[in-house]
Amino acid sequence: MNNISLIPAEQTDKRNEYSKTYAVGPGMFEAFASPVPLHMFKDNTWLPCDARFMPDKEYGENSLVSRGGHLTAVCAPSGKDAFITVADHKDHSLSWGIEGAKAVVPEAVEEKIPETEDPAEGMFLEAMFKAQGSVRYPEIFPGVTMTCRMDGRFKDCFVYQDQTAVKPVTFIIK
């Protein structure tokens, strides 16, 4: 019987912001690079990023928070006030809302990790999916869903059901 492990082991000393390396056998490695940051450098080590949006009552009822990398994003229920805040690790922040937005509770978007037969690739894909998170505000305006995405940076966009739903949008910055 051989001593080769069937479970890949991440080589944490080979981490950088965008990659992971796994030992897959004696003297054999698999390295993967990601288009989104997988790690953040803190206290002299590369720590995994988890940018998925999770409930956090510290920021209010029904708020979802992503702490991915060097940014924290808070998506609170929409309405009259600013309901999105993005802050960096130095506590610089920007908050905004949208004039006339309907009161909507944000929903975390669960993304399914693709299946693979390569165990190291499966571990990498799991890390890559944790390093990104999405929230949606369905029907924030008639025929309009707003989505917010965190993947080392924050991005929001509007998805229109059809051309008649397209209208000017006014952001309220705080």
C-alpha atoms as a PDB file:
ATOM      1  CA  MET A   1       0.000   0.000   0.000  1.00  0.00           C
ATOM      2  CA  ASN A   2       1.374   3.442  -0.914  1.00  0.00           C
ATOM      3  CA  ASN A   3       1.351   6.575   1.237  1.00  0.00           C
ATOM      4  CA  ILE A   4       0.053   8.949  -1.456  1.00  0.00           C
ATOM      5  CA  SER A   5      -2.803  11.057  -0.148  1.00  0.00           C
ATOM      6  CA  LEU A   6      -5.893  11.297  -2.332  1.00  0.00           C
ATOM      7  CA  ILE A   7      -6.774  14.602  -0.678  1.00  0.00           C
ATOM      8  CA  PRO A   8      -4.783  17.582  -2.025  1.00  0.00           C
ATOM      9  CA  ALA A   9      -3.113  19.770   0.584  1.00  0.00           C
ATOM     10  CA  GLU A  10      -2.909  23.514   0.006  1.00  0.00           C
ATOM     11  CA  GLN A  11       0.622  24.863   0.227  1.00  0.00           C
ATOM     12  CA  THR A  12      -0.141  28.041   2.176  1.00  0.00           C
ATOM     13  CA  ASP A  13       3.467  29.255   1.851  1.00  0.00           C
ATOM     14  CA  LYS A  14       2.923  29.486  -1.932  1.00  0.00           C
ATOM     15  CA  ARG A  15      -0.202  31.680  -1.680  1.00  0.00           C
ATOM     16  CA  ASN A  16      -0.483  35.120  -3.212  1.00  0.00           C
ATOM     17  CA  GLU A  17      -3.427  37.418  -3.732  1.00  0.00           C
ATOM     18  CA  TYR A  18      -4.757  35.596  -6.799  1.00  0.00           C
ATOM     19  CA  SER A  19      -3.519  31.995  -6.597  1.00  0.00           C
ATOM     20  CA  LYS A  20      -3.491  28.730  -4.678  1.00  0.00           C
ATOM     21  CA  THR A  21      -1.111  25.777  -4.982  1.00  0.00           C
ATOM     22  CA  TYR A  22      -1.908  22.221  -3.882  1.00  0.00           C
ATOM     23  CA  ALA A  23       0.379  19.255  -3.257  1.00  0.00           C
ATOM     24  CA  VAL A  24      -1.261  16.363  -5.108  1.00  0.00           C
ATOM     25  CA  GLY A  25       1.399  13.706  -4.594  1.00  0.00           C
ATOM     26  CA  PRO A  26       5.089  13.342  -3.816  1.00  0.00           C
ATOM     27  CA  GLY A  27       6.835  16.213  -5.619  1.00  0.00           C
ATOM     28  CA  MET A  28       3.645  16.998  -7.631  1.00  0.00           C
ATOM     29  CA  PHE A  29       1.701  20.254  -7.397  1.00  0.00           C
ATOM     30  CA  GLU A  30      -1.301  21.881  -9.061  1.00  0.00           C
ATOM     31  CA  ALA A  31      -1.436  25.671  -9.178  1.00  0.00           C
ATOM     32  CA  PHE A  32      -4.548  27.710  -9.948  1.00  0.00           C
ATOM     33  CA  ALA A  33      -4.922  31.427 -10.703  1.00  0.00           C
ATOM     34  CA  SER A  34      -8.124  33.373 -10.171  1.00  0.00           C
ATOM     35  CA  PRO A  35      -9.475  36.554 -11.806  1.00  0.00           C
ATOM     36  CA  VAL A  36     -10.676  37.692  -8.341  1.00  0.00           C
ATOM     37  CA  PRO A  37      -8.584  38.064  -5.173  1.00  0.00           C
ATOM     38  CA  LEU A  38      -8.559  34.841  -3.145  1.00  0.00           C
ATOM     39  CA  HIS A  39      -6.387  36.136  -0.299  1.00  0.00           C
ATOM     40  CA  MET A  40      -5.605  39.347   1.540  1.00  0.00           C
ATOM     41  CA  PHE A  41      -2.265  40.076   3.175  1.00  0.00           C
ATOM     42  CA  LYS A  42      -2.736  40.746   6.874  1.00  0.00           C
ATOM     43  CA  ASP A  43      -0.385  40.309   9.826  1.00  0.00           C
ATOM     44  CA  ASN A  44       2.390  39.047   7.521  1.00  0.00           C
ATOM     45  CA  THR A  45       0.332  36.207   6.041  1.00  0.00           C
ATOM     46  CA  TRP A  46      -2.088  35.590   3.168  1.00  0.00           C
ATOM     47  CA  LEU A  47      -5.546  34.971   4.634  1.00  0.00           C
ATOM     48  CA  PRO A  48      -8.475  33.552   2.616  1.00  0.00           C
ATOM     49  CA  CYS A  49     -11.120  36.032   1.434  1.00  0.00           C
ATOM     50  CA  ASP A  50     -14.775  35.273   2.015  1.00  0.00           C
ATOM     51  CA  ALA A  51     -16.843  37.873   0.166  1.00  0.00           C
ATOM     52  CA  ARG A  52     -20.175  36.069   0.378  1.00  0.00           C
ATOM     53  CA  PHE A  53     -22.964  38.239   1.756  1.00  0.00           C
ATOM     54  CA  MET A  54     -24.176  37.042   5.154  1.00  0.00           C
ATOM     55  CA  PRO A  55     -26.854  38.324   7.547  1.00  0.00           C
ATOM     56  CA  ASP A  56     -25.474  40.627  10.224  1.00  0.00           C
ATOM     57  CA  LYS A  57     -27.904  42.234  12.666  1.00  0.00           C
ATOM     58  CA  GLU A  58     -25.148  44.597  13.859  1.00  0.00           C
ATOM     59  CA  TYR A  59     -25.965  46.606  10.725  1.00  0.00           C
ATOM     60  CA  GLY A  60     -29.730  46.344  11.086  1.00  0.00           C
ATOM     61  CA  GLU A  61     -32.529  43.884  10.514  1.00  0.00           C
ATOM     62  CA  ASN A  62     -32.337  42.137   7.115  1.00  0.00           C
ATOM     63  CA  SER A  63     -28.910  43.608   6.293  1.00  0.00           C
ATOM     64  CA  LEU A  64     -26.390  41.509   4.384  1.00  0.00           C
ATOM     65  CA  VAL A  65     -22.659  42.085   4.849  1.00  0.00           C
ATOM     66  CA  SER A  66     -19.637  41.053   2.781  1.00  0.00           C
ATOM     67  CA  ARG A  67     -16.177  41.245   4.324  1.00  0.00           C
ATOM     68  CA  GLY A  68     -14.175  40.279   1.258  1.00  0.00           C
ATOM     69  CA  GLY A  69     -10.560  41.311   1.156  1.00  0.00           C
ATOM     70  CA  HIS A  70      -9.888  44.933   2.004  1.00  0.00           C
ATOM     71  CA  LEU A  71     -13.498  46.089   1.606  1.00  0.00           C
ATOM     72  CA  THR A  72     -16.637  45.650   3.673  1.00  0.00           C
ATOM     73  CA  ALA A  73     -19.981  46.130   1.933  1.00  0.00           C
ATOM     74  CA  VAL A  74     -23.306  46.480   3.735  1.00  0.00           C
ATOM     75  CA  CYS A  75     -26.519  46.029   1.761  1.00  0.00           C
ATOM     76  CA  ALA A  76     -29.472  47.073   3.910  1.00  0.00           C
ATOM     77  CA  PRO A  77     -33.159  47.130   2.946  1.00  0.00           C
ATOM     78  CA  SER A  78     -33.753  49.853   0.349  1.00  0.00           C
ATOM     79  CA  GLY A  79     -36.009  52.831   0.845  1.00  0.00           C
ATOM     80  CA  LYS A  80     -35.665  56.569   1.400  1.00  0.00           C
ATOM     81  CA  ASP A  81     -32.186  56.634   2.985  1.00  0.00           C
ATOM     82  CA  ALA A  82     -28.774  55.434   1.896  1.00  0.00           C
ATOM     83  CA  PHE A  83     -28.912  51.639   1.999  1.00  0.00           C
ATOM     84  CA  ILE A  84     -25.527  50.598   0.621  1.00  0.00           C
ATOM     85  CA  THR A  85     -22.228  51.339   2.362  1.00  0.00           C
ATOM     86  CA  VAL A  86     -18.763  50.288   1.235  1.00  0.00           C
ATOM     87  CA  ALA A  87     -15.803  50.820   3.568  1.00  0.00           C
ATOM     88  CA  ASP A  88     -12.124  50.016   3.249  1.00  0.00           C
ATOM     89  CA  HIS A  89      -9.827  48.667   5.974  1.00  0.00           C
ATOM     90  CA  LYS A  90      -8.860  52.244   6.912  1.00  0.00           C
ATOM     91  CA  ASP A  91     -12.513  53.106   7.700  1.00  0.00           C
ATOM     92  CA  HIS A  92     -12.980  55.316   4.639  1.00  0.00           C
ATOM     93  CA  SER A  93     -16.542  54.784   3.519  1.00  0.00           C
ATOM     94  CA  LEU A  94     -19.155  55.814   1.006  1.00  0.00           C
ATOM     95  CA  SER A  95     -22.898  55.329   1.436  1.00  0.00           C
ATOM     96  CA  TRP A  96     -25.614  55.780  -1.127  1.00  0.00           C
ATOM     97  CA  GLY A  97     -29.248  55.207  -1.866  1.00  0.00           C
ATOM     98  CA  ILE A  98     -31.487  55.687  -4.873  1.00  0.00           C
ATOM     99  CA  GLU A  99     -34.180  58.307  -5.128  1.00  0.00           C
ATOM    100  CA  GLY A 100     -37.647  56.772  -5.388  1.00  0.00           C
ATOM    101  CA  ALA A 101     -36.466  53.197  -4.696  1.00  0.00           C
ATOM    102  CA  LYS A 102     -39.136  50.839  -3.429  1.00  0.00           C
ATOM    103  CA  ALA A 103     -38.556  49.328   0.032  1.00  0.00           C
ATOM    104  CA  VAL A 104     -36.988  45.934  -0.762  1.00  0.00           C
ATOM    105  CA  VAL A 105     -35.132  43.459   1.449  1.00  0.00           C
ATOM    106  CA  PRO A 106     -31.851  42.389  -0.214  1.00  0.00           C
ATOM    107  CA  GLU A 107     -31.426  38.722  -1.118  1.00  0.00           C
ATOM    108  CA  ALA A 108     -28.068  36.928  -1.101  1.00  0.00           C
ATOM    109  CA  VAL A 109     -27.451  35.119  -4.387  1.00  0.00           C
ATOM    110  CA  GLU A 110     -26.255  31.543  -3.914  1.00  0.00           C
ATOM    111  CA  GLU A 111     -23.961  30.490  -6.722  1.00  0.00           C
ATOM    112  CA  LYS A 112     -23.501  26.797  -7.413  1.00  0.00           C
ATOM    113  CA  ILE A 113     -19.935  25.539  -7.585  1.00  0.00           C
ATOM    114  CA  PRO A 114     -19.364  23.542 -10.785  1.00  0.00           C
ATOM    115  CA  GLU A 115     -18.601  19.878 -10.235  1.00  0.00           C
ATOM    116  CA  THR A 116     -15.198  18.509 -11.165  1.00  0.00           C
ATOM    117  CA  GLU A 117     -13.438  15.179 -10.818  1.00  0.00           C
ATOM    118  CA  ASP A 118     -10.121  16.848  -9.922  1.00  0.00           C
ATOM    119  CA  PRO A 119     -10.067  17.261  -6.093  1.00  0.00           C
ATOM    120  CA  ALA A 120      -7.551  20.142  -6.184  1.00  0.00           C
ATOM    121  CA  GLU A 121      -9.629  21.977  -8.794  1.00  0.00           C
ATOM    122  CA  GLY A 122     -12.733  21.434  -6.632  1.00  0.00           C
ATOM    123  CA  MET A 123     -10.984  22.989  -3.622  1.00  0.00           C
ATOM    124  CA  PHE A 124      -9.828  25.926  -5.773  1.00  0.00           C
ATOM    125  CA  LEU A 125     -13.329  26.487  -7.208  1.00  0.00           C
ATOM    126  CA  GLU A 126     -14.789  26.485  -3.699  1.00  0.00           C
ATOM    127  CA  ALA A 127     -12.253  29.145  -2.622  1.00  0.00           C
ATOM    128  CA  MET A 128     -12.929  31.186  -5.762  1.00  0.00           C
ATOM    129  CA  PHE A 129     -16.689  31.121  -5.189  1.00  0.00           C
ATOM    130  CA  LYS A 130     -16.208  32.190  -1.539  1.00  0.00           C
ATOM    131  CA  ALA A 131     -14.100  35.122  -2.757  1.00  0.00           C
ATOM    132  CA  GLN A 132     -17.143  36.600  -4.542  1.00  0.00           C
ATOM    133  CA  GLY A 133     -20.607  37.469  -3.342  1.00  0.00           C
ATOM    134  CA  SER A 134     -23.772  38.888  -4.855  1.00  0.00           C
ATOM    135  CA  VAL A 135     -26.963  40.480  -3.589  1.00  0.00           C
ATOM    136  CA  ARG A 136     -30.080  41.380  -5.504  1.00  0.00           C
ATOM    137  CA  TYR A 137     -32.870  43.845  -4.871  1.00  0.00           C
ATOM    138  CA  PRO A 138     -35.796  42.465  -6.897  1.00  0.00           C
ATOM    139  CA  GLU A 139     -38.291  44.983  -8.279  1.00  0.00           C
ATOM    140  CA  ILE A 140     -36.512  47.977  -6.703  1.00  0.00           C
ATOM    141  CA  PHE A 141     -38.386  49.877  -9.439  1.00  0.00           C
ATOM    142  CA  PRO A 142     -41.169  48.415 -11.608  1.00  0.00           C
ATOM    143  CA  GLY A 143     -39.502  45.941 -13.976  1.00  0.00           C
ATOM    144  CA  VAL A 144     -36.030  46.579 -12.501  1.00  0.00           C
ATOM    145  CA  THR A 145     -33.780  44.416 -10.326  1.00  0.00           C
ATOM    146  CA  MET A 146     -30.600  45.875  -8.865  1.00  0.00           C
ATOM    147  CA  THR A 147     -27.664  43.527  -8.297  1.00  0.00           C
ATOM    148  CA  CYS A 148     -24.565  44.195  -6.220  1.00  0.00           C
ATOM    149  CA  ARG A 149     -21.364  42.165  -6.506  1.00  0.00           C
ATOM    150  CA  MET A 150     -18.273  41.982  -4.326  1.00  0.00           C
ATOM    151  CA  ASP A 151     -15.142  40.312  -5.721  1.00  0.00           C
ATOM    152  CA  GLY A 152     -12.262  42.391  -4.461  1.00  0.00           C
ATOM    153  CA  ARG A 153     -14.163  45.439  -5.658  1.00  0.00           C
ATOM    154  CA  PHE A 154     -17.824  46.480  -5.378  1.00  0.00           C
ATOM    155  CA  LYS A 155     -20.101  46.848  -8.384  1.00  0.00           C
ATOM    156  CA  ASP A 156     -23.819  47.532  -8.650  1.00  0.00           C
ATOM    157  CA  CYS A 157     -25.942  47.356 -11.774  1.00  0.00           C
ATOM    158  CA  PHE A 158     -29.540  47.432 -12.908  1.00  0.00           C
ATOM    159  CA  VAL A 159     -31.246  44.652 -14.853  1.00  0.00           C
ATOM    160  CA  TYR A 160     -34.276  45.814 -16.831  1.00  0.00           C
ATOM    161  CA  GLN A 161     -37.023  43.357 -17.786  1.00  0.00           C
ATOM    162  CA  ASP A 162     -37.664  45.281 -20.985  1.00  0.00           C
ATOM    163  CA  GLN A 163     -37.017  48.630 -22.615  1.00  0.00           C
ATOM    164  CA  THR A 164     -40.094  50.266 -21.064  1.00  0.00           C
ATOM    165  CA  ALA A 165     -38.558  49.848 -17.575  1.00  0.00           C
ATOM    166  CA  VAL A 166     -35.510  51.967 -18.475  1.00  0.00           C
ATOM    167  CA  LYS A 167     -35.722  55.305 -16.657  1.00  0.00           C
ATOM    168  CA  PRO A 168     -33.174  57.785 -15.251  1.00  0.00           C
ATOM    169  CA  VAL A 169     -31.827  56.866 -11.822  1.00  0.00           C
ATOM    170  CA  THR A 170     -30.689  59.416  -9.226  1.00  0.00           C
ATOM    171  CA  PHE A 171     -28.197  58.283  -6.607  1.00  0.00           C
ATOM    172  CA  ILE A 172     -28.174  59.894  -3.166  1.00  0.00           C
ATOM    173  CA  ILE A 173     -24.585  59.975  -1.892  1.00  0.00           C
ATOM    174  CA  LYS A 174     -23.769  60.392   1.809  1.00  0.00           C
END
